[in-house]
Amino acid sequence: MNITEHFTFEELYASEIADRNGIDNTPTDPKVLDNLKTLALNLESVRRLLGHPIHINSAYRCLLVNGMLGSKPTSAHVRGLAADIICPAFGSPVDIVNAIISSGIQYDQVILEYDRWCHIGFAEEGKEPRLEQLIIDKQGTRHYGN
């Protein structure tokens, strides 16, 4: 079922790890479902910015799936407010991160992860976005551009 013109609930909670391990990653919490709508609306802004369809590697993750990936239980993915994306037709993950940073899109976090994808997270309704820019790689986590 489409939430927005280009995004469905199903693609926002699809998970290969959940599928391989027989885990139901379908969100049921009404707050998470509302957050996924917010995420989809914001991803439409990213899609318009990039001018091409974006591929979502991972968006919503239940706590079990999130933990299997070694992510923190406080991750925006668990709340339905983040997506890991690529857009090869636009460019590399670095190109995507730079475009988002320069765009005026009100993200909470944008993270270049292992030079392989762009994590973009959005603030909960009523909270100010932090506009945090990070890199995560084998060296650890640091501010983008440092």
Protein backbone atom coordinates (compact mmCIF):
# COMPACT_ATOMS: atom_id res chain seq x y z
CA MET A 1 0.00 0.00 0.00
CA ASN A 2 1.40 3.38 -1.03
CA ILE A 3 1.96 5.94 1.70
CA THR A 4 3.16 8.55 -0.76
CA GLU A 5 3.47 8.67 -4.53
CA HIS A 6 6.69 6.62 -4.59
CA PHE A 7 6.89 4.73 -1.28
CA THR A 8 4.94 1.86 0.26
CA PHE A 9 4.68 0.65 3.84
CA GLU A 10 6.03 -2.71 2.69
CA GLU A 11 9.30 -1.31 1.34
CA LEU A 12 9.80 0.66 4.55
CA TYR A 13 9.70 -2.45 6.72
CA ALA A 14 11.15 -5.01 4.29
CA SER A 15 14.17 -6.78 5.77
CA GLU A 16 16.29 -9.54 4.25
CA ILE A 17 17.70 -10.32 7.69
CA ALA A 18 14.21 -10.67 9.15
CA ASP A 19 13.15 -12.88 6.24
CA ARG A 20 16.22 -15.12 6.51
CA ASN A 21 15.66 -15.55 10.25
CA GLY A 22 11.88 -15.98 10.21
CA ILE A 23 11.26 -12.71 12.05
CA ASP A 24 8.11 -10.68 11.47
CA ASN A 25 9.40 -7.12 11.03
CA THR A 26 5.94 -5.65 10.42
CA PRO A 27 5.37 -2.59 12.63
CA THR A 28 2.15 -2.50 14.66
CA ASP A 29 2.75 0.42 17.03
CA PRO A 30 0.55 3.35 15.90
CA LYS A 31 3.37 5.82 16.65
CA VAL A 32 5.79 3.88 14.43
CA LEU A 33 3.18 3.77 11.65
CA ASP A 34 2.77 7.55 11.91
CA ASN A 35 6.55 7.95 11.87
CA LEU A 36 6.77 5.82 8.72
CA LYS A 37 4.37 8.25 7.03
CA THR A 38 6.66 11.11 8.08
CA LEU A 39 9.65 9.17 6.78
CA ALA A 40 7.98 8.53 3.42
CA LEU A 41 7.06 12.20 3.01
CA ASN A 42 10.64 13.21 3.76
CA LEU A 43 12.03 10.57 1.42
CA GLU A 44 9.90 12.12 -1.32
CA SER A 45 11.90 15.33 -0.75
CA VAL A 46 15.14 13.37 -1.08
CA ARG A 47 13.88 11.70 -4.26
CA ARG A 48 12.97 15.10 -5.76
CA LEU A 49 16.39 16.44 -4.79
CA LEU A 50 18.22 13.55 -6.43
CA GLY A 51 15.96 13.48 -9.47
CA HIS A 52 15.94 9.67 -9.59
CA PRO A 53 14.30 6.79 -7.73
CA ILE A 54 16.10 5.86 -4.53
CA HIS A 55 16.63 2.34 -3.25
CA ILE A 56 15.92 1.74 0.44
CA ASN A 57 18.33 -0.82 1.88
CA SER A 58 16.76 -0.64 5.34
CA ALA A 59 14.21 1.57 7.05
CA TYR A 60 12.05 0.31 9.97
CA ARG A 61 13.62 -2.42 12.08
CA CYS A 62 12.04 -4.17 15.03
CA LEU A 63 14.30 -4.34 18.08
CA LEU A 64 15.32 -7.93 17.33
CA VAL A 65 16.39 -7.19 13.74
CA ASN A 66 18.05 -3.96 14.84
CA GLY A 67 20.06 -5.86 17.45
CA MET A 68 21.10 -8.49 14.93
CA LEU A 69 22.68 -5.69 12.91
CA GLY A 70 24.59 -4.48 15.96
CA SER A 71 22.67 -1.22 16.08
CA LYS A 72 21.65 0.57 19.26
CA PRO A 73 18.10 0.13 20.62
CA THR A 74 17.75 3.93 20.44
CA SER A 75 18.28 3.89 16.65
CA ALA A 76 15.87 6.01 14.62
CA HIS A 77 15.26 2.87 12.53
CA VAL A 78 13.40 1.32 15.50
CA ARG A 79 11.10 4.33 15.65
CA GLY A 80 10.48 4.31 11.88
CA LEU A 81 12.29 7.60 11.32
CA ALA A 82 15.38 6.54 9.35
CA ALA A 83 16.34 4.88 6.10
CA ASP A 84 19.59 3.66 4.60
CA ILE A 85 19.50 4.58 0.92
CA ILE A 86 21.44 4.50 -2.32
CA CYS A 87 20.74 6.13 -5.66
CA PRO A 88 23.23 4.88 -8.26
CA ALA A 89 21.57 6.93 -11.03
CA PHE A 90 22.42 10.09 -9.04
CA GLY A 91 25.88 9.12 -7.84
CA SER A 92 27.85 7.65 -4.97
CA PRO A 93 26.76 7.69 -1.34
CA VAL A 94 29.19 10.60 -0.83
CA ASP A 95 27.39 12.50 -3.61
CA ILE A 96 24.03 11.80 -1.94
CA VAL A 97 25.23 12.94 1.50
CA ASN A 98 26.70 16.14 0.03
CA ALA A 99 23.49 16.87 -1.88
CA ILE A 100 21.34 16.38 1.22
CA ILE A 101 23.63 18.56 3.36
CA SER A 102 23.47 21.36 0.76
CA SER A 103 19.74 21.06 0.14
CA GLY A 104 17.94 22.62 3.06
CA ILE A 105 16.13 19.32 3.79
CA GLN A 106 15.46 19.28 7.53
CA TYR A 107 17.08 15.96 8.46
CA ASP A 108 17.99 14.96 11.98
CA GLN A 109 21.03 12.94 10.93
CA VAL A 110 22.76 12.20 7.67
CA ILE A 111 25.49 9.60 7.90
CA LEU A 112 27.89 8.30 5.28
CA GLU A 113 28.19 4.66 6.30
CA TYR A 114 31.21 2.70 5.11
CA ASP A 115 31.13 4.65 1.80
CA ARG A 116 28.37 2.20 0.80
CA TRP A 117 25.11 3.93 1.71
CA CYS A 118 23.59 7.09 3.13
CA HIS A 119 21.65 6.92 6.38
CA ILE A 120 19.09 9.67 6.68
CA GLY A 121 17.03 10.14 9.81
CA PHE A 122 14.34 12.64 10.68
CA ALA A 123 13.29 14.18 14.00
CA GLU A 124 10.13 13.13 15.76
CA GLU A 125 7.17 15.43 15.35
CA GLY A 126 7.56 18.47 17.56
CA LYS A 127 11.34 18.09 17.94
CA GLU A 128 13.92 20.26 16.23
CA PRO A 129 16.13 18.43 13.72
CA ARG A 130 19.78 18.34 14.81
CA LEU A 131 21.18 18.55 11.25
CA GLU A 132 23.92 16.18 12.42
CA GLN A 133 26.44 15.06 9.79
CA LEU A 134 28.52 11.96 10.51
CA ILE A 135 30.74 9.31 8.96
CA ILE A 136 30.78 5.74 10.22
CA ASP A 137 33.55 3.47 8.97
CA LYS A 138 36.24 1.09 10.21
CA GLN A 139 37.84 3.99 12.09
CA GLY A 140 34.66 4.61 14.09
CA THR A 141 32.20 7.50 14.13
CA ARG A 142 33.20 11.10 13.51
CA HIS A 143 31.75 14.33 12.20
CA TYR A 144 31.47 14.56 8.45
CA GLY A 145 34.23 16.64 6.90
CA ASN A 146 36.74 15.99 9.72
